[in-house]
Amino acid sequence: MNIHVSDEAVDWFVNEMDLNEGDVIRFFPKYGGTSDFQDGFSVGIEPGRADVAGVETEKNNILFQVDEKDEWFFKDQDLYVGVKNGELAFSNEPLES
């Protein structure tokens, strides 16, 4: 599994979540909603480090992580994070801008 964050998504995080260089965003399974990964779950986001990072990537000096205990949710698929219609979007396939 890898995390792919578009430049547009990084800008979204910086502007909407008031992030600074060195900040960390964690992705996790959130009960309810829908996703490409698991029925009945959506992708949650929160500022802060994973307890034990299973997967991480850095872009524009911001670290993006999935905790080891949350990797089951993604079923060994890559996480693509982008922006569609001004909203943050998550997929298991590359997102069109």
C-alpha atoms as a PDB file:
ATOM      1  CA  MET A   1       0.000   0.000   0.000  1.00  0.00           C
ATOM      2  CA  ASN A   2       1.104   3.533  -0.799  1.00  0.00           C
ATOM      3  CA  ILE A   3      -0.395   6.960  -0.179  1.00  0.00           C
ATOM      4  CA  HIS A   4      -0.573   9.356  -3.144  1.00  0.00           C
ATOM      5  CA  VAL A   5      -1.484  12.973  -2.359  1.00  0.00           C
ATOM      6  CA  SER A   6      -2.019  15.425  -5.217  1.00  0.00           C
ATOM      7  CA  ASP A   7      -0.590  18.937  -5.086  1.00  0.00           C
ATOM      8  CA  GLU A   8      -4.162  20.257  -5.024  1.00  0.00           C
ATOM      9  CA  ALA A   9      -4.937  18.076  -1.998  1.00  0.00           C
ATOM     10  CA  VAL A  10      -1.845  19.329  -0.161  1.00  0.00           C
ATOM     11  CA  ASP A  11      -3.024  22.895  -0.791  1.00  0.00           C
ATOM     12  CA  TRP A  12      -6.495  21.926   0.504  1.00  0.00           C
ATOM     13  CA  PHE A  13      -4.984  20.551   3.742  1.00  0.00           C
ATOM     14  CA  VAL A  14      -2.807  23.635   4.238  1.00  0.00           C
ATOM     15  CA  ASN A  15      -5.680  26.071   3.622  1.00  0.00           C
ATOM     16  CA  GLU A  16      -8.604  24.214   5.224  1.00  0.00           C
ATOM     17  CA  MET A  17      -6.777  22.689   8.191  1.00  0.00           C
ATOM     18  CA  ASP A  18      -4.283  25.528   8.690  1.00  0.00           C
ATOM     19  CA  LEU A  19      -1.284  23.189   8.433  1.00  0.00           C
ATOM     20  CA  ASN A  20       2.340  24.215   8.608  1.00  0.00           C
ATOM     21  CA  GLU A  21       5.547  22.518   7.489  1.00  0.00           C
ATOM     22  CA  GLY A  22       6.229  19.498   9.671  1.00  0.00           C
ATOM     23  CA  ASP A  23       2.555  18.808  10.492  1.00  0.00           C
ATOM     24  CA  VAL A  24       1.143  15.300  10.200  1.00  0.00           C
ATOM     25  CA  ILE A  25      -2.212  14.064   8.862  1.00  0.00           C
ATOM     26  CA  ARG A  26      -3.502  10.592   9.675  1.00  0.00           C
ATOM     27  CA  PHE A  27      -6.026   8.705   7.532  1.00  0.00           C
ATOM     28  CA  PHE A  28      -8.243   6.144   9.259  1.00  0.00           C
ATOM     29  CA  PRO A  29     -11.438   4.117   8.733  1.00  0.00           C
ATOM     30  CA  LYS A  30     -14.522   6.001   9.847  1.00  0.00           C
ATOM     31  CA  TYR A  31     -17.722   4.060  10.498  1.00  0.00           C
ATOM     32  CA  GLY A  32     -20.524   5.106   8.162  1.00  0.00           C
ATOM     33  CA  GLY A  33     -20.610   6.454   4.672  1.00  0.00           C
ATOM     34  CA  THR A  34     -19.084   4.823   1.659  1.00  0.00           C
ATOM     35  CA  SER A  35     -15.658   4.354   0.133  1.00  0.00           C
ATOM     36  CA  ASP A  36     -13.813   2.427  -2.555  1.00  0.00           C
ATOM     37  CA  PHE A  37     -12.223   0.340   0.194  1.00  0.00           C
ATOM     38  CA  GLN A  38     -14.958  -1.072   2.475  1.00  0.00           C
ATOM     39  CA  ASP A  39     -18.753  -0.871   2.484  1.00  0.00           C
ATOM     40  CA  GLY A  40     -20.134   1.003   5.486  1.00  0.00           C
ATOM     41  CA  PHE A  41     -16.901   2.914   6.112  1.00  0.00           C
ATOM     42  CA  SER A  42     -15.455   6.165   4.820  1.00  0.00           C
ATOM     43  CA  VAL A  43     -11.970   7.653   5.041  1.00  0.00           C
ATOM     44  CA  GLY A  44     -11.465   9.853   8.081  1.00  0.00           C
ATOM     45  CA  ILE A  45      -8.745  12.464   8.499  1.00  0.00           C
ATOM     46  CA  GLU A  46      -7.245  14.104  11.543  1.00  0.00           C
ATOM     47  CA  PRO A  47      -4.136  16.047  12.386  1.00  0.00           C
ATOM     48  CA  GLY A  48      -1.672  14.041  14.431  1.00  0.00           C
ATOM     49  CA  ARG A  49       0.720  11.133  14.226  1.00  0.00           C
ATOM     50  CA  ALA A  50      -0.191   7.484  13.974  1.00  0.00           C
ATOM     51  CA  ASP A  51       0.703   5.389  17.036  1.00  0.00           C
ATOM     52  CA  VAL A  52       2.700   3.090  14.750  1.00  0.00           C
ATOM     53  CA  ALA A  53       2.916   4.270  11.157  1.00  0.00           C
ATOM     54  CA  GLY A  54       2.177   1.399   8.792  1.00  0.00           C
ATOM     55  CA  VAL A  55       2.370   3.558   5.680  1.00  0.00           C
ATOM     56  CA  GLU A  56       3.485   7.144   5.240  1.00  0.00           C
ATOM     57  CA  THR A  57       4.467   9.629   2.596  1.00  0.00           C
ATOM     58  CA  GLU A  58       5.729  13.192   2.756  1.00  0.00           C
ATOM     59  CA  LYS A  59       4.729  15.964   0.403  1.00  0.00           C
ATOM     60  CA  ASN A  60       5.629  19.660   0.724  1.00  0.00           C
ATOM     61  CA  ASN A  61       7.038  18.948   4.200  1.00  0.00           C
ATOM     62  CA  ILE A  62       3.718  17.539   5.452  1.00  0.00           C
ATOM     63  CA  LEU A  63       3.611  13.903   6.523  1.00  0.00           C
ATOM     64  CA  PHE A  64       0.589  11.734   5.621  1.00  0.00           C
ATOM     65  CA  GLN A  65       0.154   8.464   7.526  1.00  0.00           C
ATOM     66  CA  VAL A  66      -2.010   5.395   8.029  1.00  0.00           C
ATOM     67  CA  ASP A  67      -1.613   3.654  11.375  1.00  0.00           C
ATOM     68  CA  GLU A  68      -0.550   0.022  11.233  1.00  0.00           C
ATOM     69  CA  LYS A  69      -3.777  -0.992  13.029  1.00  0.00           C
ATOM     70  CA  ASP A  70      -5.862   0.702  10.275  1.00  0.00           C
ATOM     71  CA  GLU A  71      -4.209  -0.880   7.242  1.00  0.00           C
ATOM     72  CA  TRP A  72      -6.924  -3.614   7.094  1.00  0.00           C
ATOM     73  CA  PHE A  73      -9.386  -0.994   5.878  1.00  0.00           C
ATOM     74  CA  PHE A  74      -7.449  -0.295   2.693  1.00  0.00           C
ATOM     75  CA  LYS A  75      -7.148  -4.013   1.710  1.00  0.00           C
ATOM     76  CA  ASP A  76      -3.581  -3.593   0.385  1.00  0.00           C
ATOM     77  CA  GLN A  77      -4.820  -1.006  -2.119  1.00  0.00           C
ATOM     78  CA  ASP A  78      -3.169   2.372  -2.661  1.00  0.00           C
ATOM     79  CA  LEU A  79      -4.885   5.460  -1.255  1.00  0.00           C
ATOM     80  CA  TYR A  80      -5.207   8.358  -3.700  1.00  0.00           C
ATOM     81  CA  VAL A  81      -6.106  11.726  -2.191  1.00  0.00           C
ATOM     82  CA  GLY A  82      -7.188  14.562  -4.464  1.00  0.00           C
ATOM     83  CA  VAL A  83      -9.705  17.368  -4.854  1.00  0.00           C
ATOM     84  CA  LYS A  84     -12.909  17.108  -6.897  1.00  0.00           C
ATOM     85  CA  ASN A  85     -15.341  20.010  -7.167  1.00  0.00           C
ATOM     86  CA  GLY A  86     -13.522  21.819  -4.364  1.00  0.00           C
ATOM     87  CA  GLU A  87     -13.891  18.883  -1.940  1.00  0.00           C
ATOM     88  CA  LEU A  88     -11.327  16.393  -0.719  1.00  0.00           C
ATOM     89  CA  ALA A  89     -11.723  13.027  -2.490  1.00  0.00           C
ATOM     90  CA  PHE A  90     -10.356   9.546  -1.750  1.00  0.00           C
ATOM     91  CA  SER A  91     -10.014   6.610  -4.121  1.00  0.00           C
ATOM     92  CA  ASN A  92      -8.178   3.361  -4.718  1.00  0.00           C
ATOM     93  CA  GLU A  93      -7.392   4.587  -8.253  1.00  0.00           C
ATOM     94  CA  PRO A  94      -5.737   7.785  -9.526  1.00  0.00           C
ATOM     95  CA  LEU A  95      -8.140  10.742  -9.387  1.00  0.00           C
ATOM     96  CA  GLU A  96      -8.776  13.028 -12.337  1.00  0.00           C
ATOM     97  CA  SER A  97      -8.403  16.716 -11.528  1.00  0.00           C
END
